[in-house]
Amino acid sequence: MSELFDIPESKSPRLLWMERHGIATINSGIDHEDGDECEITGNQCYRYYATCGNQASGGHTKDDAIIALAVKLQLRLWSES
């Protein structure tokens, strides 16, 4: 027996909120230092991006990217009632 209790897996409120709004996250694979600029675009590099349709926002953490996109799309966050 590998599990102590047989409990079905459930998704977090954030994952359910992301699915409901069609939001996905991408790890850019870029390790950056604050203030670094991307060589190609000249914009600030972010490690994570959140996308929804043709909209995207970046952040240094996954939560930062998701929150930036929610603000851009004027969505209430999963933690807001």
PDB file of N, CA and C in Angstrom:
ATOM      1  N   MET A   1       0.852  -1.186   0.000  1.00  0.00           N
ATOM      2  CA  MET A   1       0.000   0.000   0.000  1.00  0.00           C
ATOM      3  C   MET A   1       0.890   1.238   0.000  1.00  0.00           C
ATOM      4  N   SER A   2       0.696   2.088  -0.958  1.00  0.00           N
ATOM      5  CA  SER A   2       1.574   3.256  -1.081  1.00  0.00           C
ATOM      6  C   SER A   2       0.966   4.523  -0.496  1.00  0.00           C
ATOM      7  N   GLU A   3      -0.326   4.528  -0.250  1.00  0.00           N
ATOM      8  CA  GLU A   3      -0.975   5.711   0.297  1.00  0.00           C
ATOM      9  C   GLU A   3      -1.675   5.366   1.602  1.00  0.00           C
ATOM     10  N   LEU A   4      -1.645   6.296   2.512  1.00  0.00           N
ATOM     11  CA  LEU A   4      -2.278   6.088   3.802  1.00  0.00           C
ATOM     12  C   LEU A   4      -3.795   6.145   3.679  1.00  0.00           C
ATOM     13  N   PHE A   5      -4.285   7.122   2.918  1.00  0.00           N
ATOM     14  CA  PHE A   5      -5.725   7.280   2.713  1.00  0.00           C
ATOM     15  C   PHE A   5      -6.013   7.353   1.225  1.00  0.00           C
ATOM     16  N   ASP A   6      -7.115   6.810   0.814  1.00  0.00           N
ATOM     17  CA  ASP A   6      -7.526   6.877  -0.593  1.00  0.00           C
ATOM     18  C   ASP A   6      -8.420   8.104  -0.777  1.00  0.00           C
ATOM     19  N   ILE A   7      -7.777   9.249  -1.077  1.00  0.00           N
ATOM     20  CA  ILE A   7      -8.489  10.515  -1.246  1.00  0.00           C
ATOM     21  C   ILE A   7      -8.340  10.950  -2.702  1.00  0.00           C
ATOM     22  N   PRO A   8      -9.436  11.258  -3.364  1.00  0.00           N
ATOM     23  CA  PRO A   8      -9.318  11.705  -4.764  1.00  0.00           C
ATOM     24  C   PRO A   8      -8.575  13.032  -4.860  1.00  0.00           C
ATOM     25  N   GLU A   9      -7.825  13.164  -5.934  1.00  0.00           N
ATOM     26  CA  GLU A   9      -7.075  14.400  -6.168  1.00  0.00           C
ATOM     27  C   GLU A   9      -8.038  15.541  -6.464  1.00  0.00           C
ATOM     28  N   SER A  10      -7.738  16.725  -5.934  1.00  0.00           N
ATOM     29  CA  SER A  10      -8.564  17.899  -6.228  1.00  0.00           C
ATOM     30  C   SER A  10      -7.657  19.068  -6.600  1.00  0.00           C
ATOM     31  N   LYS A  11      -8.169  19.946  -7.436  1.00  0.00           N
ATOM     32  CA  LYS A  11      -7.396  21.095  -7.910  1.00  0.00           C
ATOM     33  C   LYS A  11      -7.531  22.254  -6.933  1.00  0.00           C
ATOM     34  N   SER A  12      -6.487  23.070  -6.904  1.00  0.00           N
ATOM     35  CA  SER A  12      -6.483  24.247  -6.035  1.00  0.00           C
ATOM     36  C   SER A  12      -7.437  25.299  -6.587  1.00  0.00           C
ATOM     37  N   PRO A  13      -7.862  26.244  -5.745  1.00  0.00           N
ATOM     38  CA  PRO A  13      -8.716  27.333  -6.241  1.00  0.00           C
ATOM     39  C   PRO A  13      -8.060  28.106  -7.391  1.00  0.00           C
ATOM     40  N   ARG A  14      -6.729  28.297  -7.322  1.00  0.00           N
ATOM     41  CA  ARG A  14      -6.043  29.026  -8.396  1.00  0.00           C
ATOM     42  C   ARG A  14      -6.121  28.253  -9.706  1.00  0.00           C
ATOM     43  N   LEU A  15      -5.879  26.941  -9.687  1.00  0.00           N
ATOM     44  CA  LEU A  15      -5.945  26.156 -10.922  1.00  0.00           C
ATOM     45  C   LEU A  15      -7.355  26.132 -11.502  1.00  0.00           C
ATOM     46  N   LEU A  16      -8.361  26.013 -10.655  1.00  0.00           N
ATOM     47  CA  LEU A  16      -9.748  26.059 -11.138  1.00  0.00           C
ATOM     48  C   LEU A  16     -10.062  27.407 -11.765  1.00  0.00           C
ATOM     49  N   TRP A  17      -9.599  28.496 -11.155  1.00  0.00           N
ATOM     50  CA  TRP A  17      -9.802  29.862 -11.668  1.00  0.00           C
ATOM     51  C   TRP A  17      -9.111  30.016 -13.018  1.00  0.00           C
ATOM     52  N   MET A  18      -7.867  29.497 -13.134  1.00  0.00           N
ATOM     53  CA  MET A  18      -7.132  29.590 -14.399  1.00  0.00           C
ATOM     54  C   MET A  18      -7.854  28.834 -15.509  1.00  0.00           C
ATOM     55  N   GLU A  19      -8.353  27.651 -15.212  1.00  0.00           N
ATOM     56  CA  GLU A  19      -9.107  26.879 -16.213  1.00  0.00           C
ATOM     57  C   GLU A  19     -10.368  27.617 -16.645  1.00  0.00           C
ATOM     58  N   ARG A  20     -11.073  28.184 -15.687  1.00  0.00           N
ATOM     59  CA  ARG A  20     -12.327  28.887 -15.989  1.00  0.00           C
ATOM     60  C   ARG A  20     -12.081  30.073 -16.924  1.00  0.00           C
ATOM     61  N   HIS A  21     -10.940  30.746 -16.772  1.00  0.00           N
ATOM     62  CA  HIS A  21     -10.639  31.930 -17.586  1.00  0.00           C
ATOM     63  C   HIS A  21      -9.716  31.630 -18.768  1.00  0.00           C
ATOM     64  N   GLY A  22      -9.326  30.375 -18.951  1.00  0.00           N
ATOM     65  CA  GLY A  22      -8.482  30.007 -20.094  1.00  0.00           C
ATOM     66  C   GLY A  22      -7.069  30.552 -19.986  1.00  0.00           C
ATOM     67  N   ILE A  23      -6.530  30.624 -18.788  1.00  0.00           N
ATOM     68  CA  ILE A  23      -5.195  31.175 -18.561  1.00  0.00           C
ATOM     69  C   ILE A  23      -4.188  30.041 -18.429  1.00  0.00           C
ATOM     70  N   ALA A  24      -3.059  30.196 -19.114  1.00  0.00           N
ATOM     71  CA  ALA A  24      -1.963  29.230 -19.036  1.00  0.00           C
ATOM     72  C   ALA A  24      -0.689  29.972 -18.658  1.00  0.00           C
ATOM     73  N   THR A  25       0.269  29.260 -18.065  1.00  0.00           N
ATOM     74  CA  THR A  25       1.555  29.872 -17.741  1.00  0.00           C
ATOM     75  C   THR A  25       2.660  29.177 -18.520  1.00  0.00           C
ATOM     76  N   ILE A  26       3.701  29.951 -18.797  1.00  0.00           N
ATOM     77  CA  ILE A  26       4.853  29.461 -19.552  1.00  0.00           C
ATOM     78  C   ILE A  26       6.106  29.852 -18.791  1.00  0.00           C
ATOM     79  N   ASN A  27       7.017  28.915 -18.629  1.00  0.00           N
ATOM     80  CA  ASN A  27       8.324  29.216 -18.056  1.00  0.00           C
ATOM     81  C   ASN A  27       9.238  29.553 -19.221  1.00  0.00           C
ATOM     82  N   SER A  28       9.764  30.762 -19.231  1.00  0.00           N
ATOM     83  CA  SER A  28      10.582  31.211 -20.354  1.00  0.00           C
ATOM     84  C   SER A  28      11.947  30.534 -20.380  1.00  0.00           C
ATOM     85  N   GLY A  29      12.344  29.931 -19.258  1.00  0.00           N
ATOM     86  CA  GLY A  29      13.640  29.283 -19.199  1.00  0.00           C
ATOM     87  C   GLY A  29      14.785  30.267 -19.037  1.00  0.00           C
ATOM     88  N   ILE A  30      14.459  31.535 -18.848  1.00  0.00           N
ATOM     89  CA  ILE A  30      15.492  32.567 -18.711  1.00  0.00           C
ATOM     90  C   ILE A  30      15.773  32.788 -17.231  1.00  0.00           C
ATOM     91  N   ASP A  31      17.012  32.552 -16.824  1.00  0.00           N
ATOM     92  CA  ASP A  31      17.428  32.939 -15.483  1.00  0.00           C
ATOM     93  C   ASP A  31      17.909  34.371 -15.596  1.00  0.00           C
ATOM     94  N   HIS A  32      17.355  35.247 -14.805  1.00  0.00           N
ATOM     95  CA  HIS A  32      17.645  36.661 -14.961  1.00  0.00           C
ATOM     96  C   HIS A  32      18.028  37.287 -13.624  1.00  0.00           C
ATOM     97  N   GLU A  33      18.618  38.405 -13.722  1.00  0.00           N
ATOM     98  CA  GLU A  33      18.875  39.266 -12.579  1.00  0.00           C
ATOM     99  C   GLU A  33      17.979  40.481 -12.747  1.00  0.00           C
ATOM    100  N   ASP A  34      17.526  41.065 -11.642  1.00  0.00           N
ATOM    101  CA  ASP A  34      16.687  42.258 -11.749  1.00  0.00           C
ATOM    102  C   ASP A  34      17.410  43.316 -12.569  1.00  0.00           C
ATOM    103  N   GLY A  35      16.692  43.905 -13.498  1.00  0.00           N
ATOM    104  CA  GLY A  35      17.262  44.952 -14.330  1.00  0.00           C
ATOM    105  C   GLY A  35      17.853  44.446 -15.634  1.00  0.00           C
ATOM    106  N   ASP A  36      18.000  43.115 -15.794  1.00  0.00           N
ATOM    107  CA  ASP A  36      18.510  42.584 -17.055  1.00  0.00           C
ATOM    108  C   ASP A  36      17.536  42.924 -18.172  1.00  0.00           C
ATOM    109  N   GLU A  37      18.057  43.091 -19.355  1.00  0.00           N
ATOM    110  CA  GLU A  37      17.198  43.326 -20.509  1.00  0.00           C
ATOM    111  C   GLU A  37      17.350  42.166 -21.484  1.00  0.00           C
ATOM    112  N   CYS A  38      16.258  41.837 -22.159  1.00  0.00           N
ATOM    113  CA  CYS A  38      16.314  40.773 -23.162  1.00  0.00           C
ATOM    114  C   CYS A  38      17.114  41.265 -24.357  1.00  0.00           C
ATOM    115  N   GLU A  39      17.931  40.389 -24.897  1.00  0.00           N
ATOM    116  CA  GLU A  39      18.776  40.776 -26.030  1.00  0.00           C
ATOM    117  C   GLU A  39      17.947  41.066 -27.269  1.00  0.00           C
ATOM    118  N   ILE A  40      16.877  40.315 -27.479  1.00  0.00           N
ATOM    119  CA  ILE A  40      16.112  40.438 -28.722  1.00  0.00           C
ATOM    120  C   ILE A  40      15.192  41.648 -28.700  1.00  0.00           C
ATOM    121  N   THR A  41      14.403  41.799 -27.644  1.00  0.00           N
ATOM    122  CA  THR A  41      13.381  42.846 -27.635  1.00  0.00           C
ATOM    123  C   THR A  41      13.811  44.119 -26.930  1.00  0.00           C
ATOM    124  N   GLY A  42      14.793  44.036 -26.050  1.00  0.00           N
ATOM    125  CA  GLY A  42      15.179  45.211 -25.272  1.00  0.00           C
ATOM    126  C   GLY A  42      14.256  45.448 -24.098  1.00  0.00           C
ATOM    127  N   ASN A  43      13.210  44.608 -23.946  1.00  0.00           N
ATOM    128  CA  ASN A  43      12.296  44.723 -22.810  1.00  0.00           C
ATOM    129  C   ASN A  43      12.850  43.929 -21.635  1.00  0.00           C
ATOM    130  N   GLN A  44      12.325  44.211 -20.454  1.00  0.00           N
ATOM    131  CA  GLN A  44      12.779  43.479 -19.281  1.00  0.00           C
ATOM    132  C   GLN A  44      12.447  41.998 -19.418  1.00  0.00           C
ATOM    133  N   CYS A  45      13.359  41.148 -19.034  1.00  0.00           N
ATOM    134  CA  CYS A  45      13.153  39.701 -19.104  1.00  0.00           C
ATOM    135  C   CYS A  45      12.326  39.227 -17.915  1.00  0.00           C
ATOM    136  N   TYR A  46      11.453  38.305 -18.160  1.00  0.00           N
ATOM    137  CA  TYR A  46      10.689  37.670 -17.099  1.00  0.00           C
ATOM    138  C   TYR A  46      10.881  36.165 -17.195  1.00  0.00           C
ATOM    139  N   ARG A  47      10.857  35.516 -16.065  1.00  0.00           N
ATOM    140  CA  ARG A  47      11.000  34.061 -16.056  1.00  0.00           C
ATOM    141  C   ARG A  47       9.677  33.385 -16.410  1.00  0.00           C
ATOM    142  N   TYR A  48       8.557  33.984 -16.031  1.00  0.00           N
ATOM    143  CA  TYR A  48       7.248  33.379 -16.284  1.00  0.00           C
ATOM    144  C   TYR A  48       6.359  34.321 -17.077  1.00  0.00           C
ATOM    145  N   TYR A  49       5.506  33.740 -17.901  1.00  0.00           N
ATOM    146  CA  TYR A  49       4.494  34.481 -18.643  1.00  0.00           C
ATOM    147  C   TYR A  49       3.159  33.799 -18.448  1.00  0.00           C
ATOM    148  N   ALA A  50       2.102  34.590 -18.345  1.00  0.00           N
ATOM    149  CA  ALA A  50       0.739  34.085 -18.290  1.00  0.00           C
ATOM    150  C   ALA A  50       0.050  34.550 -19.558  1.00  0.00           C
ATOM    151  N   THR A  51      -0.682  33.654 -20.194  1.00  0.00           N
ATOM    152  CA  THR A  51      -1.336  33.984 -21.454  1.00  0.00           C
ATOM    153  C   THR A  51      -2.817  33.640 -21.402  1.00  0.00           C
ATOM    154  N   CYS A  52      -3.584  34.417 -22.157  1.00  0.00           N
ATOM    155  CA  CYS A  52      -5.012  34.172 -22.330  1.00  0.00           C
ATOM    156  C   CYS A  52      -5.369  34.710 -23.701  1.00  0.00           C
ATOM    157  N   GLY A  53      -5.627  33.812 -24.642  1.00  0.00           N
ATOM    158  CA  GLY A  53      -5.876  34.259 -26.013  1.00  0.00           C
ATOM    159  C   GLY A  53      -4.643  34.954 -26.561  1.00  0.00           C
ATOM    160  N   ASN A  54      -4.804  36.189 -27.018  1.00  0.00           N
ATOM    161  CA  ASN A  54      -3.668  36.933 -27.553  1.00  0.00           C
ATOM    162  C   ASN A  54      -3.090  37.914 -26.534  1.00  0.00           C
ATOM    163  N   GLN A  55      -3.511  37.815 -25.284  1.00  0.00           N
ATOM    164  CA  GLN A  55      -3.001  38.681 -24.213  1.00  0.00           C
ATOM    165  C   GLN A  55      -1.941  37.930 -23.408  1.00  0.00           C
ATOM    166  N   ALA A  56      -0.915  38.638 -22.950  1.00  0.00           N
ATOM    167  CA  ALA A  56       0.131  38.021 -22.132  1.00  0.00           C
ATOM    168  C   ALA A  56       0.703  39.060 -21.181  1.00  0.00           C
ATOM    169  N   SER A  57       1.178  38.584 -20.049  1.00  0.00           N
ATOM    170  CA  SER A  57       1.881  39.419 -19.074  1.00  0.00           C
ATOM    171  C   SER A  57       2.978  38.578 -18.457  1.00  0.00           C
ATOM    172  N   GLY A  58       4.039  39.236 -18.040  1.00  0.00           N
ATOM    173  CA  GLY A  58       5.172  38.525 -17.467  1.00  0.00           C
ATOM    174  C   GLY A  58       5.382  38.866 -16.017  1.00  0.00           C
ATOM    175  N   GLY A  59       6.165  38.018 -15.348  1.00  0.00           N
ATOM    176  CA  GLY A  59       6.506  38.253 -13.956  1.00  0.00           C
ATOM    177  C   GLY A  59       7.702  37.417 -13.550  1.00  0.00           C
ATOM    178  N   HIS A  60       8.314  37.804 -12.450  1.00  0.00           N
ATOM    179  CA  HIS A  60       9.481  37.071 -11.966  1.00  0.00           C
ATOM    180  C   HIS A  60       9.080  35.746 -11.330  1.00  0.00           C
ATOM    181  N   THR A  61       7.822  35.652 -10.857  1.00  0.00           N
ATOM    182  CA  THR A  61       7.288  34.394 -10.341  1.00  0.00           C
ATOM    183  C   THR A  61       6.019  34.070 -11.123  1.00  0.00           C
ATOM    184  N   LYS A  62       5.567  32.823 -11.011  1.00  0.00           N
ATOM    185  CA  LYS A  62       4.352  32.413 -11.704  1.00  0.00           C
ATOM    186  C   LYS A  62       3.158  33.239 -11.211  1.00  0.00           C
ATOM    187  N   ASP A  63       3.070  33.439  -9.887  1.00  0.00           N
ATOM    188  CA  ASP A  63       1.972  34.244  -9.337  1.00  0.00           C
ATOM    189  C   ASP A  63       2.011  35.679  -9.850  1.00  0.00           C
ATOM    190  N   ASP A  64       3.210  36.269  -9.932  1.00  0.00           N
ATOM    191  CA  ASP A  64       3.335  37.641 -10.444  1.00  0.00           C
ATOM    192  C   ASP A  64       2.788  37.738 -11.870  1.00  0.00           C
ATOM    193  N   ALA A  65       3.112  36.761 -12.705  1.00  0.00           N
ATOM    194  CA  ALA A  65       2.648  36.774 -14.096  1.00  0.00           C
ATOM    195  C   ALA A  65       1.135  36.628 -14.172  1.00  0.00           C
ATOM    196  N   ILE A  66       0.583  35.723 -13.368  1.00  0.00           N
ATOM    197  CA  ILE A  66      -0.867  35.499 -13.376  1.00  0.00           C
ATOM    198  C   ILE A  66      -1.605  36.737 -12.883  1.00  0.00           C
ATOM    199  N   ILE A  67      -1.116  37.332 -11.806  1.00  0.00           N
ATOM    200  CA  ILE A  67      -1.760  38.528 -11.251  1.00  0.00           C
ATOM    201  C   ILE A  67      -1.674  39.693 -12.235  1.00  0.00           C
ATOM    202  N   ALA A  68      -0.519  39.873 -12.892  1.00  0.00           N
ATOM    203  CA  ALA A  68      -0.371  40.954 -13.877  1.00  0.00           C
ATOM    204  C   ALA A  68      -1.364  40.780 -15.024  1.00  0.00           C
ATOM    205  N   LEU A  69      -1.561  39.542 -15.466  1.00  0.00           N
ATOM    206  CA  LEU A  69      -2.522  39.295 -16.546  1.00  0.00           C
ATOM    207  C   LEU A  69      -3.950  39.543 -16.063  1.00  0.00           C
ATOM    208  N   ALA A  70      -4.267  39.122 -14.844  1.00  0.00           N
ATOM    209  CA  ALA A  70      -5.612  39.348 -14.299  1.00  0.00           C
ATOM    210  C   ALA A  70      -5.908  40.839 -14.215  1.00  0.00           C
ATOM    211  N   VAL A  71      -4.931  41.625 -13.796  1.00  0.00           N
ATOM    212  CA  VAL A  71      -5.111  43.087 -13.731  1.00  0.00           C
ATOM    213  C   VAL A  71      -5.332  43.644 -15.137  1.00  0.00           C
ATOM    214  N   LYS A  72      -4.529  43.178 -16.089  1.00  0.00           N
ATOM    215  CA  LYS A  72      -4.649  43.633 -17.475  1.00  0.00           C
ATOM    216  C   LYS A  72      -6.036  43.316 -18.042  1.00  0.00           C
ATOM    217  N   LEU A  73      -6.569  42.126 -17.708  1.00  0.00           N
ATOM    218  CA  LEU A  73      -7.873  41.701 -18.215  1.00  0.00           C
ATOM    219  C   LEU A  73      -9.028  42.123 -17.313  1.00  0.00           C
ATOM    220  N   GLN A  74      -8.702  42.810 -16.219  1.00  0.00           N
ATOM    221  CA  GLN A  74      -9.683  43.280 -15.232  1.00  0.00           C
ATOM    222  C   GLN A  74     -10.510  42.123 -14.665  1.00  0.00           C
ATOM    223  N   LEU A  75      -9.805  41.048 -14.283  1.00  0.00           N
ATOM    224  CA  LEU A  75     -10.445  39.881 -13.674  1.00  0.00           C
ATOM    225  C   LEU A  75     -10.236  39.906 -12.166  1.00  0.00           C
ATOM    226  N   ARG A  76     -11.222  39.460 -11.437  1.00  0.00           N
ATOM    227  CA  ARG A  76     -11.058  39.262  -9.998  1.00  0.00           C
ATOM    228  C   ARG A  76     -10.211  38.026  -9.789  1.00  0.00           C
ATOM    229  N   LEU A  77      -9.300  38.076  -8.823  1.00  0.00           N
ATOM    230  CA  LEU A  77      -8.435  36.943  -8.552  1.00  0.00           C
ATOM    231  C   LEU A  77      -9.183  35.818  -7.861  1.00  0.00           C
ATOM    232  N   TRP A  78      -8.595  34.639  -7.902  1.00  0.00           N
ATOM    233  CA  TRP A  78      -9.176  33.454  -7.279  1.00  0.00           C
ATOM    234  C   TRP A  78      -9.365  33.634  -5.769  1.00  0.00           C
ATOM    235  N   SER A  79      -8.569  34.506  -5.161  1.00  0.00           N
ATOM    236  CA  SER A  79      -8.620  34.701  -3.714  1.00  0.00           C
ATOM    237  C   SER A  79      -9.554  35.838  -3.299  1.00  0.00           C
ATOM    238  N   GLU A  80     -10.122  36.529  -4.277  1.00  0.00           N
ATOM    239  CA  GLU A  80     -11.033  37.636  -3.987  1.00  0.00           C
ATOM    240  C   GLU A  80     -12.474  37.133  -4.014  1.00  0.00           C
ATOM    241  N   SER A  81     -13.256  37.620  -3.078  1.00  0.00           N
ATOM    242  CA  SER A  81     -14.664  37.172  -3.045  1.00  0.00           C
ATOM    243  C   SER A  81     -15.563  38.079  -3.820  1.00  0.00           C
TER     244      SER A  81
END
